[in-house]
Amino acid sequence: MGAKKKKLPDNTIAQNRKARHDYHIESDFEAGLVLQGWEVKAMRAQKANLTDAYIILQNGEAFLHGCHVSPLITTSTHIVAEPTRNRKLLLHDAELRKIIDAQQKDGYTIVPLALYWVRNLVKLKIATAKGKKLHDKRASEKAKQWNIEKQRVMKNNFN
């Protein structure tokens, strides 16, 4: 049987599933994004990808690097669209200080988790995270497989 693809909630634009596999997520924050008009329209059409994206802190500001937003042919005819441009994140000063302090700890990084809508605004969920070792990844994969098997056994016993 084929693996089912999980359906995203209605307000989700893109998720970074690889981040939960590669990192232990400590704390998360919600950030706004500075976007251009064509990017918003492309995100409405689910044309964003967070797979290779990462967060950089420069001069006391946070930027999203590597997020690919594919331009729509019909909406970006009059401008030259740059799909992987750096996008500034909008955060409160207190949140930014927490993120900077977390990144300065040994082994911690900031990763983007999900891109989603809050009313008519695009938000990015970012998290402070610590990288997993290979044995941690194996253990979490084993636990995940065990939970799936447990659900299967419970379903068969009660039916």
N, C-alpha and C. Protein backbone atom coordinates (compact mmCIF):
# COMPACT_ATOMS: atom_id res chain seq x y z
N MET A 1 0.83 -1.17 0.00
CA MET A 1 0.00 0.00 0.00
C MET A 1 0.88 1.23 0.00
N GLY A 2 0.46 2.26 -0.75
CA GLY A 2 1.22 3.50 -0.83
C GLY A 2 1.10 4.33 0.43
N ALA A 3 2.12 5.09 0.69
CA ALA A 3 2.09 5.96 1.86
C ALA A 3 1.17 7.13 1.60
N LYS A 4 0.34 7.45 2.57
CA LYS A 4 -0.56 8.58 2.41
C LYS A 4 0.20 9.87 2.69
N LYS A 5 -0.06 10.88 1.85
CA LYS A 5 0.53 12.18 2.09
C LYS A 5 -0.38 12.94 3.04
N LYS A 6 0.21 13.47 4.11
CA LYS A 6 -0.59 14.19 5.09
C LYS A 6 -1.12 15.47 4.47
N LYS A 7 -2.41 15.73 4.68
CA LYS A 7 -3.02 16.94 4.16
C LYS A 7 -2.73 18.09 5.11
N LEU A 8 -2.28 19.20 4.56
CA LEU A 8 -1.98 20.37 5.36
C LEU A 8 -3.26 21.08 5.77
N PRO A 9 -3.27 21.73 6.92
CA PRO A 9 -4.43 22.54 7.29
C PRO A 9 -4.64 23.66 6.26
N ASP A 10 -5.85 24.21 6.24
CA ASP A 10 -6.20 25.20 5.23
C ASP A 10 -5.31 26.44 5.27
N ASN A 11 -4.85 26.83 6.45
CA ASN A 11 -4.07 28.06 6.52
C ASN A 11 -2.57 27.84 6.31
N THR A 12 -2.11 26.62 6.13
CA THR A 12 -0.69 26.33 5.96
C THR A 12 -0.27 26.49 4.51
N ILE A 13 0.81 27.22 4.30
CA ILE A 13 1.36 27.41 2.95
C ILE A 13 2.42 26.36 2.69
N ALA A 14 3.38 26.23 3.61
CA ALA A 14 4.48 25.27 3.45
C ALA A 14 4.99 24.86 4.83
N GLN A 15 5.50 23.64 4.92
CA GLN A 15 6.09 23.15 6.15
C GLN A 15 7.50 22.64 5.89
N ASN A 16 8.32 22.68 6.92
CA ASN A 16 9.67 22.16 6.84
C ASN A 16 9.72 20.89 7.70
N ARG A 17 9.29 19.78 7.13
CA ARG A 17 9.24 18.52 7.88
C ARG A 17 10.63 18.01 8.21
N LYS A 18 11.59 18.35 7.39
CA LYS A 18 12.97 17.91 7.61
C LYS A 18 13.54 18.49 8.92
N ALA A 19 13.07 19.67 9.31
CA ALA A 19 13.58 20.31 10.53
C ALA A 19 13.26 19.48 11.76
N ARG A 20 12.06 18.93 11.85
CA ARG A 20 11.69 18.12 13.01
C ARG A 20 12.48 16.82 13.05
N HIS A 21 12.94 16.36 11.91
CA HIS A 21 13.74 15.14 11.85
C HIS A 21 15.19 15.42 12.24
N ASP A 22 15.72 16.59 11.86
CA ASP A 22 17.12 16.89 12.08
C ASP A 22 17.43 17.62 13.38
N TYR A 23 16.40 18.19 14.04
CA TYR A 23 16.65 19.01 15.22
C TYR A 23 15.71 18.68 16.37
N HIS A 24 16.20 18.92 17.60
CA HIS A 24 15.34 18.93 18.79
C HIS A 24 14.81 20.35 18.90
N ILE A 25 13.51 20.53 18.80
CA ILE A 25 12.91 21.86 18.83
C ILE A 25 12.78 22.31 20.29
N GLU A 26 13.35 23.46 20.63
CA GLU A 26 13.31 23.98 22.00
C GLU A 26 12.11 24.91 22.18
N SER A 27 12.15 26.08 21.58
CA SER A 27 11.05 27.04 21.71
C SER A 27 10.77 27.65 20.34
N ASP A 28 9.52 28.03 20.13
CA ASP A 28 9.17 28.56 18.81
C ASP A 28 8.59 29.97 18.93
N PHE A 29 8.69 30.71 17.82
CA PHE A 29 8.25 32.08 17.72
C PHE A 29 7.47 32.26 16.43
N GLU A 30 6.60 33.27 16.42
CA GLU A 30 5.85 33.61 15.21
C GLU A 30 6.38 34.94 14.69
N ALA A 31 6.81 34.95 13.44
CA ALA A 31 7.38 36.16 12.84
C ALA A 31 6.60 36.54 11.59
N GLY A 32 6.49 37.83 11.37
CA GLY A 32 5.91 38.32 10.12
C GLY A 32 7.01 38.37 9.07
N LEU A 33 6.63 38.56 7.83
CA LEU A 33 7.59 38.62 6.73
C LEU A 33 7.37 39.88 5.91
N VAL A 34 8.46 40.48 5.43
CA VAL A 34 8.36 41.59 4.49
C VAL A 34 8.34 40.97 3.10
N LEU A 35 7.21 41.09 2.41
CA LEU A 35 7.02 40.44 1.11
C LEU A 35 6.64 41.47 0.05
N GLN A 36 6.85 41.07 -1.19
CA GLN A 36 6.39 41.86 -2.33
C GLN A 36 5.05 41.29 -2.78
N GLY A 37 4.32 42.04 -3.58
CA GLY A 37 2.98 41.63 -4.00
C GLY A 37 2.94 40.31 -4.74
N TRP A 38 3.88 40.09 -5.65
CA TRP A 38 3.88 38.85 -6.41
C TRP A 38 4.12 37.64 -5.52
N GLU A 39 4.89 37.84 -4.42
CA GLU A 39 5.16 36.74 -3.50
C GLU A 39 3.89 36.32 -2.74
N VAL A 40 3.10 37.31 -2.34
CA VAL A 40 1.85 37.01 -1.63
C VAL A 40 0.92 36.22 -2.54
N LYS A 41 0.81 36.65 -3.80
CA LYS A 41 -0.06 35.94 -4.74
C LYS A 41 0.43 34.52 -5.00
N ALA A 42 1.74 34.35 -5.08
CA ALA A 42 2.30 33.01 -5.29
C ALA A 42 2.05 32.13 -4.07
N MET A 43 2.13 32.71 -2.88
CA MET A 43 1.87 31.93 -1.66
C MET A 43 0.40 31.54 -1.56
N ARG A 44 -0.50 32.38 -2.05
CA ARG A 44 -1.91 32.00 -2.09
C ARG A 44 -2.12 30.77 -2.96
N ALA A 45 -1.26 30.61 -3.96
CA ALA A 45 -1.33 29.46 -4.87
C ALA A 45 -0.44 28.31 -4.40
N GLN A 46 0.04 28.35 -3.12
CA GLN A 46 0.86 27.29 -2.53
C GLN A 46 2.18 27.07 -3.28
N LYS A 47 2.83 28.14 -3.74
CA LYS A 47 4.06 28.03 -4.53
C LYS A 47 5.31 28.36 -3.71
N ALA A 48 5.30 28.05 -2.42
CA ALA A 48 6.46 28.31 -1.56
C ALA A 48 7.06 27.01 -1.07
N ASN A 49 8.37 27.03 -0.81
CA ASN A 49 9.08 25.85 -0.37
C ASN A 49 10.09 26.24 0.71
N LEU A 50 10.01 25.60 1.87
CA LEU A 50 10.90 25.90 3.00
C LEU A 50 11.99 24.86 3.20
N THR A 51 12.13 23.91 2.30
CA THR A 51 13.03 22.77 2.52
C THR A 51 14.46 23.19 2.82
N ASP A 52 15.04 24.07 2.03
CA ASP A 52 16.44 24.45 2.22
C ASP A 52 16.58 25.81 2.90
N ALA A 53 15.53 26.30 3.52
CA ALA A 53 15.56 27.63 4.12
C ALA A 53 16.24 27.62 5.48
N TYR A 54 16.80 28.76 5.85
CA TYR A 54 17.43 28.92 7.15
C TYR A 54 17.36 30.39 7.56
N ILE A 55 17.60 30.66 8.84
CA ILE A 55 17.50 32.00 9.39
C ILE A 55 18.91 32.53 9.68
N ILE A 56 19.16 33.77 9.28
CA ILE A 56 20.43 34.44 9.53
C ILE A 56 20.16 35.70 10.35
N LEU A 57 20.99 35.97 11.33
CA LEU A 57 20.89 37.19 12.13
C LEU A 57 22.01 38.13 11.70
N GLN A 58 21.63 39.35 11.25
CA GLN A 58 22.61 40.34 10.82
C GLN A 58 22.21 41.69 11.38
N ASN A 59 23.14 42.38 12.02
CA ASN A 59 22.92 43.74 12.54
C ASN A 59 21.66 43.84 13.39
N GLY A 60 21.41 42.85 14.23
CA GLY A 60 20.26 42.89 15.11
C GLY A 60 18.93 42.65 14.42
N GLU A 61 18.95 42.12 13.21
CA GLU A 61 17.73 41.78 12.46
C GLU A 61 17.82 40.34 12.00
N ALA A 62 16.64 39.74 11.76
CA ALA A 62 16.60 38.35 11.30
C ALA A 62 16.13 38.32 9.85
N PHE A 63 16.74 37.44 9.06
CA PHE A 63 16.40 37.30 7.66
C PHE A 63 16.18 35.82 7.32
N LEU A 64 15.24 35.57 6.43
CA LEU A 64 14.97 34.22 5.93
C LEU A 64 15.72 34.05 4.62
N HIS A 65 16.65 33.10 4.60
CA HIS A 65 17.44 32.80 3.40
C HIS A 65 16.99 31.47 2.82
N GLY A 66 17.02 31.35 1.51
CA GLY A 66 16.81 30.07 0.85
C GLY A 66 15.37 29.62 0.71
N CYS A 67 14.41 30.44 1.10
CA CYS A 67 13.00 30.09 0.90
C CYS A 67 12.66 30.36 -0.56
N HIS A 68 12.23 29.34 -1.26
CA HIS A 68 11.94 29.47 -2.69
C HIS A 68 10.45 29.73 -2.89
N VAL A 69 10.13 30.88 -3.50
CA VAL A 69 8.75 31.22 -3.85
C VAL A 69 8.70 31.31 -5.37
N SER A 70 8.02 30.36 -6.01
CA SER A 70 7.94 30.33 -7.46
C SER A 70 6.98 31.40 -7.96
N PRO A 71 7.45 32.29 -8.82
CA PRO A 71 6.56 33.34 -9.30
C PRO A 71 5.49 32.78 -10.24
N LEU A 72 4.30 33.35 -10.16
CA LEU A 72 3.23 32.98 -11.08
C LEU A 72 3.45 33.72 -12.40
N ILE A 73 3.23 33.05 -13.50
CA ILE A 73 3.46 33.66 -14.81
C ILE A 73 2.52 34.84 -15.04
N THR A 74 1.30 34.71 -14.56
CA THR A 74 0.29 35.74 -14.83
C THR A 74 0.43 36.99 -13.98
N THR A 75 1.06 36.90 -12.80
CA THR A 75 1.09 38.06 -11.92
C THR A 75 2.41 38.82 -11.93
N SER A 76 3.48 38.20 -12.36
CA SER A 76 4.78 38.88 -12.28
C SER A 76 5.34 39.16 -13.67
N THR A 77 4.51 39.73 -14.54
CA THR A 77 4.96 40.01 -15.90
C THR A 77 5.75 41.32 -16.00
N HIS A 78 5.45 42.28 -15.14
CA HIS A 78 6.07 43.59 -15.23
C HIS A 78 7.31 43.76 -14.34
N ILE A 79 7.63 42.79 -13.52
CA ILE A 79 8.82 42.87 -12.67
C ILE A 79 9.67 41.62 -12.82
N VAL A 80 10.93 41.76 -12.49
CA VAL A 80 11.83 40.61 -12.52
C VAL A 80 11.77 39.97 -11.13
N ALA A 81 11.18 38.79 -11.06
CA ALA A 81 10.99 38.11 -9.78
C ALA A 81 12.27 37.36 -9.41
N GLU A 82 12.64 37.48 -8.15
CA GLU A 82 13.79 36.75 -7.62
C GLU A 82 13.26 35.72 -6.62
N PRO A 83 13.15 34.45 -7.02
CA PRO A 83 12.48 33.44 -6.20
C PRO A 83 13.12 33.17 -4.84
N THR A 84 14.43 33.30 -4.72
CA THR A 84 15.10 32.95 -3.46
C THR A 84 15.70 34.17 -2.77
N ARG A 85 15.10 35.32 -2.95
CA ARG A 85 15.66 36.52 -2.31
C ARG A 85 15.55 36.42 -0.79
N ASN A 86 16.38 37.20 -0.09
CA ASN A 86 16.35 37.23 1.37
C ASN A 86 15.17 38.07 1.82
N ARG A 87 14.40 37.53 2.78
CA ARG A 87 13.21 38.22 3.26
C ARG A 87 13.40 38.56 4.74
N LYS A 88 13.13 39.81 5.07
CA LYS A 88 13.29 40.27 6.46
C LYS A 88 12.16 39.73 7.31
N LEU A 89 12.51 39.29 8.53
CA LEU A 89 11.51 38.81 9.49
C LEU A 89 11.16 39.94 10.44
N LEU A 90 9.88 40.04 10.77
CA LEU A 90 9.40 41.07 11.67
C LEU A 90 9.15 40.44 13.03
N LEU A 91 9.98 40.82 14.00
CA LEU A 91 9.90 40.29 15.36
C LEU A 91 9.98 41.44 16.36
N HIS A 92 9.40 41.23 17.53
CA HIS A 92 9.54 42.20 18.61
C HIS A 92 10.98 42.14 19.14
N ASP A 93 11.44 43.23 19.73
CA ASP A 93 12.81 43.29 20.24
C ASP A 93 13.10 42.20 21.27
N ALA A 94 12.14 41.96 22.16
CA ALA A 94 12.34 40.94 23.19
C ALA A 94 12.50 39.55 22.56
N GLU A 95 11.68 39.25 21.56
CA GLU A 95 11.80 37.95 20.86
C GLU A 95 13.14 37.85 20.15
N LEU A 96 13.54 38.92 19.52
CA LEU A 96 14.81 38.93 18.80
C LEU A 96 15.99 38.70 19.75
N ARG A 97 15.93 39.31 20.94
CA ARG A 97 16.98 39.11 21.94
C ARG A 97 17.03 37.65 22.39
N LYS A 98 15.86 37.03 22.61
CA LYS A 98 15.82 35.62 23.00
C LYS A 98 16.43 34.74 21.92
N ILE A 99 16.13 35.04 20.68
CA ILE A 99 16.65 34.26 19.55
C ILE A 99 18.16 34.42 19.44
N ILE A 100 18.65 35.65 19.61
CA ILE A 100 20.10 35.89 19.53
C ILE A 100 20.81 35.17 20.67
N ASP A 101 20.25 35.23 21.88
CA ASP A 101 20.85 34.53 23.03
C ASP A 101 20.88 33.03 22.79
N ALA A 102 19.80 32.49 22.23
CA ALA A 102 19.73 31.04 21.98
C ALA A 102 20.75 30.62 20.93
N GLN A 103 20.93 31.44 19.91
CA GLN A 103 21.87 31.06 18.86
C GLN A 103 23.31 31.08 19.35
N GLN A 104 23.59 31.94 20.33
CA GLN A 104 24.95 32.02 20.84
C GLN A 104 25.32 30.84 21.74
N LYS A 105 24.31 30.06 22.19
CA LYS A 105 24.61 28.85 22.94
C LYS A 105 25.25 27.84 22.00
N ASP A 106 26.05 26.96 22.56
CA ASP A 106 26.77 25.99 21.74
C ASP A 106 25.81 24.96 21.14
N GLY A 107 25.85 24.81 19.83
CA GLY A 107 25.06 23.78 19.15
C GLY A 107 23.64 24.19 18.80
N TYR A 108 23.24 25.40 19.10
CA TYR A 108 21.87 25.84 18.80
C TYR A 108 21.83 26.62 17.50
N THR A 109 20.69 26.53 16.82
CA THR A 109 20.47 27.25 15.58
C THR A 109 19.01 27.69 15.53
N ILE A 110 18.68 28.49 14.55
CA ILE A 110 17.29 28.92 14.35
C ILE A 110 16.83 28.34 13.03
N VAL A 111 15.71 27.61 13.07
CA VAL A 111 15.20 26.96 11.87
C VAL A 111 13.76 27.41 11.60
N PRO A 112 13.40 27.56 10.32
CA PRO A 112 12.01 27.85 9.98
C PRO A 112 11.21 26.54 9.99
N LEU A 113 10.02 26.55 10.58
CA LEU A 113 9.20 25.35 10.67
C LEU A 113 8.02 25.35 9.70
N ALA A 114 7.29 26.47 9.64
CA ALA A 114 6.09 26.50 8.81
C ALA A 114 5.79 27.92 8.36
N LEU A 115 5.18 28.00 7.20
CA LEU A 115 4.71 29.26 6.62
C LEU A 115 3.20 29.14 6.55
N TYR A 116 2.47 30.12 7.10
CA TYR A 116 1.02 29.98 7.16
C TYR A 116 0.35 31.35 7.16
N TRP A 117 -0.97 31.34 7.00
CA TRP A 117 -1.79 32.55 6.99
C TRP A 117 -2.40 32.79 8.37
N VAL A 118 -2.39 34.04 8.81
CA VAL A 118 -3.18 34.48 9.96
C VAL A 118 -4.01 35.64 9.41
N ARG A 119 -5.28 35.38 9.21
CA ARG A 119 -6.18 36.27 8.48
C ARG A 119 -5.58 36.54 7.10
N ASN A 120 -5.17 37.76 6.81
CA ASN A 120 -4.61 38.03 5.49
C ASN A 120 -3.10 38.27 5.53
N LEU A 121 -2.46 37.89 6.62
CA LEU A 121 -1.02 38.09 6.78
C LEU A 121 -0.27 36.76 6.72
N VAL A 122 0.91 36.80 6.12
CA VAL A 122 1.77 35.61 6.06
C VAL A 122 2.65 35.60 7.30
N LYS A 123 2.65 34.50 8.02
CA LYS A 123 3.48 34.35 9.21
C LYS A 123 4.42 33.18 9.03
N LEU A 124 5.55 33.24 9.71
CA LEU A 124 6.55 32.18 9.67
C LEU A 124 6.80 31.71 11.10
N LYS A 125 6.64 30.42 11.33
CA LYS A 125 6.96 29.86 12.65
C LYS A 125 8.42 29.46 12.61
N ILE A 126 9.21 30.07 13.51
CA ILE A 126 10.62 29.74 13.61
C ILE A 126 10.88 29.17 15.00
N ALA A 127 11.95 28.41 15.12
CA ALA A 127 12.24 27.77 16.41
C ALA A 127 13.73 27.77 16.67
N THR A 128 14.06 27.85 17.96
CA THR A 128 15.44 27.60 18.36
C THR A 128 15.56 26.09 18.52
N ALA A 129 16.62 25.54 17.97
CA ALA A 129 16.73 24.09 17.93
C ALA A 129 18.19 23.66 18.10
N LYS A 130 18.34 22.44 18.57
CA LYS A 130 19.66 21.83 18.72
C LYS A 130 19.72 20.62 17.80
N GLY A 131 20.80 20.48 17.07
CA GLY A 131 20.93 19.40 16.11
C GLY A 131 20.91 18.03 16.75
N LYS A 132 20.25 17.07 16.09
CA LYS A 132 20.22 15.69 16.58
C LYS A 132 21.44 14.94 16.06
N LYS A 133 21.90 14.02 16.87
CA LYS A 133 22.95 13.11 16.43
C LYS A 133 22.29 11.96 15.66
N LEU A 134 23.08 11.16 14.97
CA LEU A 134 22.54 10.08 14.15
C LEU A 134 21.76 9.08 14.99
N HIS A 135 22.26 8.75 16.19
CA HIS A 135 21.56 7.77 17.03
C HIS A 135 20.23 8.33 17.54
N ASP A 136 20.15 9.66 17.73
CA ASP A 136 18.88 10.29 18.12
C ASP A 136 17.85 10.16 17.01
N LYS A 137 18.30 10.36 15.76
CA LYS A 137 17.40 10.25 14.61
C LYS A 137 16.87 8.81 14.49
N ARG A 138 17.77 7.85 14.71
CA ARG A 138 17.36 6.44 14.62
C ARG A 138 16.35 6.11 15.71
N ALA A 139 16.58 6.60 16.92
CA ALA A 139 15.67 6.32 18.03
C ALA A 139 14.31 6.94 17.79
N SER A 140 14.26 8.17 17.30
CA SER A 140 12.97 8.81 17.05
C SER A 140 12.23 8.12 15.91
N GLU A 141 12.95 7.64 14.91
CA GLU A 141 12.32 6.90 13.80
C GLU A 141 11.77 5.56 14.30
N LYS A 142 12.51 4.91 15.18
CA LYS A 142 12.07 3.64 15.75
C LYS A 142 10.81 3.83 16.60
N ALA A 143 10.78 4.89 17.41
CA ALA A 143 9.61 5.20 18.24
C ALA A 143 8.40 5.51 17.37
N LYS A 144 8.62 6.22 16.29
CA LYS A 144 7.53 6.55 15.35
C LYS A 144 6.96 5.28 14.73
N GLN A 145 7.82 4.38 14.28
CA GLN A 145 7.37 3.12 13.69
C GLN A 145 6.63 2.27 14.71
N TRP A 146 7.10 2.26 15.96
CA TRP A 146 6.44 1.49 17.00
C TRP A 146 5.04 2.03 17.27
N ASN A 147 4.89 3.35 17.31
CA ASN A 147 3.56 3.94 17.52
C ASN A 147 2.60 3.59 16.40
N ILE A 148 3.08 3.57 15.17
CA ILE A 148 2.25 3.19 14.04
C ILE A 148 1.81 1.73 14.18
N GLU A 149 2.76 0.87 14.53
CA GLU A 149 2.45 -0.56 14.69
C GLU A 149 1.47 -0.78 15.85
N LYS A 150 1.66 -0.04 16.95
CA LYS A 150 0.77 -0.13 18.10
C LYS A 150 -0.66 0.25 17.71
N GLN A 151 -0.81 1.32 16.94
CA GLN A 151 -2.14 1.74 16.49
C GLN A 151 -2.78 0.67 15.61
N ARG A 152 -1.98 0.05 14.76
CA ARG A 152 -2.48 -0.99 13.86
C ARG A 152 -2.98 -2.20 14.67
N VAL A 153 -2.20 -2.61 15.68
CA VAL A 153 -2.58 -3.74 16.52
C VAL A 153 -3.85 -3.42 17.30
N MET A 154 -3.94 -2.23 17.89
CA MET A 154 -5.11 -1.84 18.66
C MET A 154 -6.35 -1.80 17.78
N LYS A 155 -6.20 -1.32 16.56
CA LYS A 155 -7.34 -1.25 15.63
C LYS A 155 -7.83 -2.64 15.28
N ASN A 156 -6.89 -3.57 15.04
CA ASN A 156 -7.28 -4.93 14.68
C ASN A 156 -7.90 -5.69 15.85
N ASN A 157 -7.46 -5.41 17.08
CA ASN A 157 -8.02 -6.09 18.25
C ASN A 157 -9.44 -5.65 18.58
N PHE A 158 -9.74 -4.37 18.32
CA PHE A 158 -11.06 -3.87 18.66
C PHE A 158 -12.06 -4.05 17.55
N ASN A 159 -11.64 -4.41 16.36
CA ASN A 159 -12.60 -4.62 15.25
C ASN A 159 -12.93 -6.07 15.06
